[in-house]
Amino acid sequence: MERIDTREHHRPVTAYLAGPDVFLPAAPAHARRKVAICARHGIAGRPPLNEDVASLRTLSSETAWQAIFRKDLAMMEACDILIANLTPFRGASADAGTLVELGWFLGRGRPVFGYSNSALPFAERSAAQVAAAPDPLPGLSVEGFGLADNLMVPGAVLWGGGCPMLMPDDGRDRAFDDLEVFEHCVAVAAARLGLRPARGGG
């Protein structure tokens, strides 16, 4: 994990807030809540929102998606760490785009932290998905290590940030947009990086 010397920064540590939260109907308001939580822990959260949706609609699909990709990549380049929402999204596993971003930060040696609002292990979610939509071939195995996701996901989080991928600690799922586990993850990241809560923060 890359060491971040905040004394040299003269600015808060910046965190790229990856996750499928961008698809929420009230994504901007949700992002503001996440940014406020980060600020209380001395971190500047950077959600990859596309505030210029109106201008994007004037572009062709080909031009628009590439513009979004370039903007997100530039934001990733400018951030010190990753805090990823790895809650299952439209399947048994985390959002595919978020996993690309997780790999990007891990590959650059930047600290990564992750959480999920699902308390159900990956193997159980996978079995339920296969029951609802059978695999393309019979007899395919289901990974069963009792982890939150495919082993490469919690492995990347543990290797990249030195902390396990966080899940609800009471065994109960949280709502998709609940921020309790996210705040725990932010607090863990701040402690791991030796940050102090902002004045007046919780």
C-alpha atoms as a PDB file:
ATOM      1  CA  MET A   1       0.000   0.000   0.000  1.00  0.00           C
ATOM      2  CA  GLU A   2       1.331   3.404  -0.969  1.00  0.00           C
ATOM      3  CA  ARG A   3       2.152   5.617   1.998  1.00  0.00           C
ATOM      4  CA  ILE A   4       0.355   8.962   1.926  1.00  0.00           C
ATOM      5  CA  ASP A   5       2.143  11.749   3.790  1.00  0.00           C
ATOM      6  CA  THR A   6      -0.642  14.212   4.548  1.00  0.00           C
ATOM      7  CA  ARG A   7       1.888  16.730   5.837  1.00  0.00           C
ATOM      8  CA  GLU A   8       3.209  17.109   2.315  1.00  0.00           C
ATOM      9  CA  HIS A   9      -0.255  17.390   0.817  1.00  0.00           C
ATOM     10  CA  HIS A  10      -1.399  20.499   2.717  1.00  0.00           C
ATOM     11  CA  ARG A  11      -4.858  19.306   1.718  1.00  0.00           C
ATOM     12  CA  PRO A  12      -7.206  16.504   2.738  1.00  0.00           C
ATOM     13  CA  VAL A  13      -6.623  13.008   1.421  1.00  0.00           C
ATOM     14  CA  THR A  14      -8.926  12.579  -1.576  1.00  0.00           C
ATOM     15  CA  ALA A  15     -11.027   9.437  -1.981  1.00  0.00           C
ATOM     16  CA  TYR A  16     -12.623   8.246  -5.200  1.00  0.00           C
ATOM     17  CA  LEU A  17     -16.078   7.036  -4.108  1.00  0.00           C
ATOM     18  CA  ALA A  18     -16.660   4.167  -6.502  1.00  0.00           C
ATOM     19  CA  GLY A  19     -19.908   2.255  -6.686  1.00  0.00           C
ATOM     20  CA  PRO A  20     -23.259   1.836  -8.402  1.00  0.00           C
ATOM     21  CA  ASP A  21     -24.631   4.727  -6.311  1.00  0.00           C
ATOM     22  CA  VAL A  22     -24.456   6.791  -9.515  1.00  0.00           C
ATOM     23  CA  PHE A  23     -27.521   4.886 -10.757  1.00  0.00           C
ATOM     24  CA  LEU A  24     -29.717   5.886  -7.808  1.00  0.00           C
ATOM     25  CA  PRO A  25     -32.696   8.104  -8.706  1.00  0.00           C
ATOM     26  CA  ALA A  26     -31.459  10.748  -6.246  1.00  0.00           C
ATOM     27  CA  ALA A  27     -27.762  10.175  -6.924  1.00  0.00           C
ATOM     28  CA  PRO A  28     -26.584  13.796  -6.370  1.00  0.00           C
ATOM     29  CA  ALA A  29     -28.225  14.044  -2.922  1.00  0.00           C
ATOM     30  CA  HIS A  30     -26.884  10.616  -1.964  1.00  0.00           C
ATOM     31  CA  ALA A  31     -23.400  11.647  -3.097  1.00  0.00           C
ATOM     32  CA  ARG A  32     -23.565  14.786  -0.957  1.00  0.00           C
ATOM     33  CA  ARG A  33     -24.321  12.652   2.094  1.00  0.00           C
ATOM     34  CA  LYS A  34     -21.322  10.443   1.368  1.00  0.00           C
ATOM     35  CA  VAL A  35     -19.071  13.471   0.872  1.00  0.00           C
ATOM     36  CA  ALA A  36     -20.256  14.918   4.202  1.00  0.00           C
ATOM     37  CA  ILE A  37     -19.464  11.651   5.990  1.00  0.00           C
ATOM     38  CA  CYS A  38     -15.993  11.627   4.461  1.00  0.00           C
ATOM     39  CA  ALA A  39     -15.405  15.236   5.524  1.00  0.00           C
ATOM     40  CA  ARG A  40     -16.213  14.393   9.139  1.00  0.00           C
ATOM     41  CA  HIS A  41     -13.348  11.908   9.040  1.00  0.00           C
ATOM     42  CA  GLY A  42     -10.859  14.249   7.392  1.00  0.00           C
ATOM     43  CA  ILE A  43     -11.255  12.850   3.868  1.00  0.00           C
ATOM     44  CA  ALA A  44     -12.331  14.723   0.741  1.00  0.00           C
ATOM     45  CA  GLY A  45     -14.774  12.422  -1.041  1.00  0.00           C
ATOM     46  CA  ARG A  46     -14.968  12.582  -4.831  1.00  0.00           C
ATOM     47  CA  PRO A  47     -18.071  10.851  -6.262  1.00  0.00           C
ATOM     48  CA  PRO A  48     -17.910  10.167 -10.020  1.00  0.00           C
ATOM     49  CA  LEU A  49     -21.163  11.933 -10.844  1.00  0.00           C
ATOM     50  CA  ASN A  50     -21.900  13.334 -14.276  1.00  0.00           C
ATOM     51  CA  GLU A  51     -23.437  16.649 -13.333  1.00  0.00           C
ATOM     52  CA  ASP A  52     -23.383  17.782 -16.960  1.00  0.00           C
ATOM     53  CA  VAL A  53     -26.088  15.294 -17.972  1.00  0.00           C
ATOM     54  CA  ALA A  54     -27.868  17.904 -20.101  1.00  0.00           C
ATOM     55  CA  SER A  55     -24.808  18.487 -22.273  1.00  0.00           C
ATOM     56  CA  LEU A  56     -24.119  14.755 -22.498  1.00  0.00           C
ATOM     57  CA  ARG A  57     -27.584  14.263 -23.968  1.00  0.00           C
ATOM     58  CA  THR A  58     -26.588  16.433 -26.912  1.00  0.00           C
ATOM     59  CA  LEU A  59     -23.797  14.000 -27.801  1.00  0.00           C
ATOM     60  CA  SER A  60     -23.983  10.713 -29.632  1.00  0.00           C
ATOM     61  CA  SER A  61     -23.894   7.600 -27.458  1.00  0.00           C
ATOM     62  CA  GLU A  62     -20.380   6.824 -28.685  1.00  0.00           C
ATOM     63  CA  THR A  63     -19.080  10.280 -27.800  1.00  0.00           C
ATOM     64  CA  ALA A  64     -20.977  10.441 -24.490  1.00  0.00           C
ATOM     65  CA  TRP A  65     -19.711   7.201 -22.996  1.00  0.00           C
ATOM     66  CA  GLN A  66     -16.137   8.019 -23.923  1.00  0.00           C
ATOM     67  CA  ALA A  67     -16.488  11.471 -22.339  1.00  0.00           C
ATOM     68  CA  ILE A  68     -17.765   9.876 -19.119  1.00  0.00           C
ATOM     69  CA  PHE A  69     -14.914   7.354 -19.146  1.00  0.00           C
ATOM     70  CA  ARG A  70     -12.281  10.056 -19.609  1.00  0.00           C
ATOM     71  CA  LYS A  71     -13.792  12.200 -16.859  1.00  0.00           C
ATOM     72  CA  ASP A  72     -13.900   9.298 -14.409  1.00  0.00           C
ATOM     73  CA  LEU A  73     -10.344   8.300 -15.286  1.00  0.00           C
ATOM     74  CA  ALA A  74      -9.111  11.861 -14.713  1.00  0.00           C
ATOM     75  CA  MET A  75     -10.833  11.907 -11.319  1.00  0.00           C
ATOM     76  CA  MET A  76      -9.244   8.563 -10.423  1.00  0.00           C
ATOM     77  CA  GLU A  77      -5.829   9.912 -11.397  1.00  0.00           C
ATOM     78  CA  ALA A  78      -6.366  12.875  -9.063  1.00  0.00           C
ATOM     79  CA  CYS A  79      -7.445  10.808  -6.028  1.00  0.00           C
ATOM     80  CA  ASP A  80      -5.218   9.329  -3.342  1.00  0.00           C
ATOM     81  CA  ILE A  81      -7.365   6.382  -2.272  1.00  0.00           C
ATOM     82  CA  LEU A  82     -10.421   4.364  -3.260  1.00  0.00           C
ATOM     83  CA  ILE A  83     -13.485   3.728  -1.113  1.00  0.00           C
ATOM     84  CA  ALA A  84     -15.656   1.289  -3.059  1.00  0.00           C
ATOM     85  CA  ASN A  85     -19.283   0.305  -2.629  1.00  0.00           C
ATOM     86  CA  LEU A  86     -19.058  -3.413  -3.423  1.00  0.00           C
ATOM     87  CA  THR A  87     -22.692  -4.196  -2.623  1.00  0.00           C
ATOM     88  CA  PRO A  88     -24.023  -6.750  -5.160  1.00  0.00           C
ATOM     89  CA  PHE A  89     -25.530  -4.988  -8.151  1.00  0.00           C
ATOM     90  CA  ARG A  90     -27.788  -6.694 -10.694  1.00  0.00           C
ATOM     91  CA  GLY A  91     -26.320 -10.079  -9.883  1.00  0.00           C
ATOM     92  CA  ALA A  92     -24.423 -12.000  -7.227  1.00  0.00           C
ATOM     93  CA  SER A  93     -21.317  -9.833  -7.456  1.00  0.00           C
ATOM     94  CA  ALA A  94     -20.346  -6.178  -7.215  1.00  0.00           C
ATOM     95  CA  ASP A  95     -20.866  -3.653 -10.008  1.00  0.00           C
ATOM     96  CA  ALA A  96     -18.556  -4.431 -12.943  1.00  0.00           C
ATOM     97  CA  GLY A  97     -17.403  -0.838 -13.414  1.00  0.00           C
ATOM     98  CA  THR A  98     -16.564  -0.547  -9.723  1.00  0.00           C
ATOM     99  CA  LEU A  99     -14.437  -3.689  -9.983  1.00  0.00           C
ATOM    100  CA  VAL A 100     -12.485  -2.157 -12.878  1.00  0.00           C
ATOM    101  CA  GLU A 101     -11.837   0.902 -10.708  1.00  0.00           C
ATOM    102  CA  LEU A 102     -10.783  -1.307  -7.789  1.00  0.00           C
ATOM    103  CA  GLY A 103      -8.238  -3.034 -10.017  1.00  0.00           C
ATOM    104  CA  TRP A 104      -6.997   0.305 -11.338  1.00  0.00           C
ATOM    105  CA  PHE A 105      -6.219   1.634  -7.850  1.00  0.00           C
ATOM    106  CA  LEU A 106      -4.738  -1.675  -6.718  1.00  0.00           C
ATOM    107  CA  GLY A 107      -2.476  -1.777  -9.771  1.00  0.00           C
ATOM    108  CA  ARG A 108      -1.128   1.658  -8.952  1.00  0.00           C
ATOM    109  CA  GLY A 109      -0.422   0.783  -5.345  1.00  0.00           C
ATOM    110  CA  ARG A 110      -2.927   3.296  -4.003  1.00  0.00           C
ATOM    111  CA  PRO A 111      -4.825   2.353  -0.836  1.00  0.00           C
ATOM    112  CA  VAL A 112      -8.194   0.708  -1.422  1.00  0.00           C
ATOM    113  CA  PHE A 113     -11.049   0.171   1.017  1.00  0.00           C
ATOM    114  CA  GLY A 114     -14.368  -1.509   0.338  1.00  0.00           C
ATOM    115  CA  TYR A 115     -17.697  -2.424   1.866  1.00  0.00           C
ATOM    116  CA  SER A 116     -20.950  -4.193   1.076  1.00  0.00           C
ATOM    117  CA  ASN A 117     -24.450  -3.732   2.445  1.00  0.00           C
ATOM    118  CA  SER A 118     -25.113  -7.442   1.904  1.00  0.00           C
ATOM    119  CA  ALA A 119     -24.496  -9.794   4.817  1.00  0.00           C
ATOM    120  CA  LEU A 120     -25.022 -12.903   2.668  1.00  0.00           C
ATOM    121  CA  PRO A 121     -21.833 -14.651   1.500  1.00  0.00           C
ATOM    122  CA  PHE A 122     -21.035 -14.779  -2.212  1.00  0.00           C
ATOM    123  CA  ALA A 123     -21.579 -18.557  -2.452  1.00  0.00           C
ATOM    124  CA  GLU A 124     -25.141 -18.299  -1.159  1.00  0.00           C
ATOM    125  CA  ARG A 125     -25.952 -15.400  -3.474  1.00  0.00           C
ATOM    126  CA  SER A 126     -24.447 -17.305  -6.408  1.00  0.00           C
ATOM    127  CA  ALA A 127     -26.510 -20.403  -5.629  1.00  0.00           C
ATOM    128  CA  ALA A 128     -29.673 -18.306  -5.518  1.00  0.00           C
ATOM    129  CA  GLN A 129     -28.803 -16.693  -8.833  1.00  0.00           C
ATOM    130  CA  VAL A 130     -28.135 -20.054 -10.495  1.00  0.00           C
ATOM    131  CA  ALA A 131     -31.469 -21.330  -9.210  1.00  0.00           C
ATOM    132  CA  ALA A 132     -33.229 -18.369 -10.822  1.00  0.00           C
ATOM    133  CA  ALA A 133     -31.137 -18.270 -14.011  1.00  0.00           C
ATOM    134  CA  PRO A 134     -29.270 -21.541 -14.679  1.00  0.00           C
ATOM    135  CA  ASP A 135     -25.620 -21.479 -15.750  1.00  0.00           C
ATOM    136  CA  PRO A 136     -24.831 -21.836 -19.485  1.00  0.00           C
ATOM    137  CA  LEU A 137     -23.388 -25.300 -18.765  1.00  0.00           C
ATOM    138  CA  PRO A 138     -24.402 -27.804 -16.082  1.00  0.00           C
ATOM    139  CA  GLY A 139     -21.970 -28.695 -13.343  1.00  0.00           C
ATOM    140  CA  LEU A 140     -20.133 -25.377 -13.058  1.00  0.00           C
ATOM    141  CA  SER A 141     -18.729 -25.031  -9.553  1.00  0.00           C
ATOM    142  CA  VAL A 142     -19.624 -22.260  -7.118  1.00  0.00           C
ATOM    143  CA  GLU A 143     -16.755 -20.667  -5.208  1.00  0.00           C
ATOM    144  CA  GLY A 144     -17.346 -21.359  -1.530  1.00  0.00           C
ATOM    145  CA  PHE A 145     -14.890 -19.620   0.773  1.00  0.00           C
ATOM    146  CA  GLY A 146     -17.532 -17.821   2.822  1.00  0.00           C
ATOM    147  CA  LEU A 147     -16.347 -14.464   1.477  1.00  0.00           C
ATOM    148  CA  ALA A 148     -18.303 -11.342   0.565  1.00  0.00           C
ATOM    149  CA  ASP A 149     -17.578 -11.777  -3.166  1.00  0.00           C
ATOM    150  CA  ASN A 150     -15.322 -13.650  -5.580  1.00  0.00           C
ATOM    151  CA  LEU A 151     -12.049 -14.094  -3.674  1.00  0.00           C
ATOM    152  CA  MET A 152     -10.219 -11.603  -5.913  1.00  0.00           C
ATOM    153  CA  VAL A 153     -12.482  -8.805  -4.647  1.00  0.00           C
ATOM    154  CA  PRO A 154     -11.986  -9.070  -0.862  1.00  0.00           C
ATOM    155  CA  GLY A 155      -8.415 -10.130  -1.625  1.00  0.00           C
ATOM    156  CA  ALA A 156      -7.797  -6.874  -3.486  1.00  0.00           C
ATOM    157  CA  VAL A 157      -9.282  -4.858  -0.622  1.00  0.00           C
ATOM    158  CA  LEU A 158      -7.247  -6.664   2.034  1.00  0.00           C
ATOM    159  CA  TRP A 159      -4.038  -6.523   0.006  1.00  0.00           C
ATOM    160  CA  GLY A 160      -4.516  -2.935  -1.119  1.00  0.00           C
ATOM    161  CA  GLY A 161      -5.652  -1.328   2.114  1.00  0.00           C
ATOM    162  CA  GLY A 162      -4.605  -3.703   4.852  1.00  0.00           C
ATOM    163  CA  CYS A 163      -8.197  -4.015   6.071  1.00  0.00           C
ATOM    164  CA  PRO A 164     -10.858  -6.614   5.259  1.00  0.00           C
ATOM    165  CA  MET A 165     -13.843  -5.824   3.086  1.00  0.00           C
ATOM    166  CA  LEU A 166     -16.555  -4.655   5.489  1.00  0.00           C
ATOM    167  CA  MET A 167     -20.042  -6.136   5.725  1.00  0.00           C
ATOM    168  CA  PRO A 168     -22.900  -5.629   8.210  1.00  0.00           C
ATOM    169  CA  ASP A 169     -21.536  -7.015  11.472  1.00  0.00           C
ATOM    170  CA  ASP A 170     -24.914  -8.158  12.768  1.00  0.00           C
ATOM    171  CA  GLY A 171     -25.636 -10.526   9.870  1.00  0.00           C
ATOM    172  CA  ARG A 172     -28.516  -8.413   8.535  1.00  0.00           C
ATOM    173  CA  ASP A 173     -28.593  -6.889   5.066  1.00  0.00           C
ATOM    174  CA  ARG A 174     -28.820  -3.130   4.847  1.00  0.00           C
ATOM    175  CA  ALA A 175     -30.878  -1.263   2.254  1.00  0.00           C
ATOM    176  CA  PHE A 176     -29.005  -0.687  -0.992  1.00  0.00           C
ATOM    177  CA  ASP A 177     -28.649   3.041  -0.270  1.00  0.00           C
ATOM    178  CA  ASP A 178     -27.975   2.727   3.474  1.00  0.00           C
ATOM    179  CA  LEU A 179     -24.779   4.476   4.596  1.00  0.00           C
ATOM    180  CA  GLU A 180     -24.071   2.823   7.959  1.00  0.00           C
ATOM    181  CA  VAL A 181     -21.462   0.368   6.631  1.00  0.00           C
ATOM    182  CA  PHE A 182     -20.049   3.062   4.349  1.00  0.00           C
ATOM    183  CA  GLU A 183     -19.414   5.328   7.342  1.00  0.00           C
ATOM    184  CA  HIS A 184     -17.718   2.454   9.155  1.00  0.00           C
ATOM    185  CA  CYS A 185     -15.523   1.936   6.085  1.00  0.00           C
ATOM    186  CA  VAL A 186     -14.608   5.634   5.955  1.00  0.00           C
ATOM    187  CA  ALA A 187     -13.700   5.567   9.653  1.00  0.00           C
ATOM    188  CA  VAL A 188     -11.522   2.487   9.124  1.00  0.00           C
ATOM    189  CA  ALA A 189      -9.796   4.134   6.150  1.00  0.00           C
ATOM    190  CA  ALA A 190      -9.151   7.321   8.118  1.00  0.00           C
ATOM    191  CA  ALA A 191      -7.712   5.373  11.044  1.00  0.00           C
ATOM    192  CA  ARG A 192      -5.558   3.267   8.734  1.00  0.00           C
ATOM    193  CA  LEU A 193      -4.165   6.425   7.137  1.00  0.00           C
ATOM    194  CA  GLY A 194      -3.638   8.150  10.484  1.00  0.00           C
ATOM    195  CA  LEU A 195      -6.120  10.935   9.764  1.00  0.00           C
ATOM    196  CA  ARG A 196      -7.852  13.003  12.391  1.00  0.00           C
ATOM    197  CA  PRO A 197     -11.573  13.817  12.206  1.00  0.00           C
ATOM    198  CA  ALA A 198     -12.325  17.333  11.017  1.00  0.00           C
ATOM    199  CA  ARG A 199     -13.067  19.872  13.734  1.00  0.00           C
ATOM    200  CA  GLY A 200     -16.664  19.574  14.753  1.00  0.00           C
ATOM    201  CA  GLY A 201     -16.873  16.176  13.061  1.00  0.00           C
ATOM    202  CA  GLY A 202     -18.170  12.971  14.633  1.00  0.00           C
END
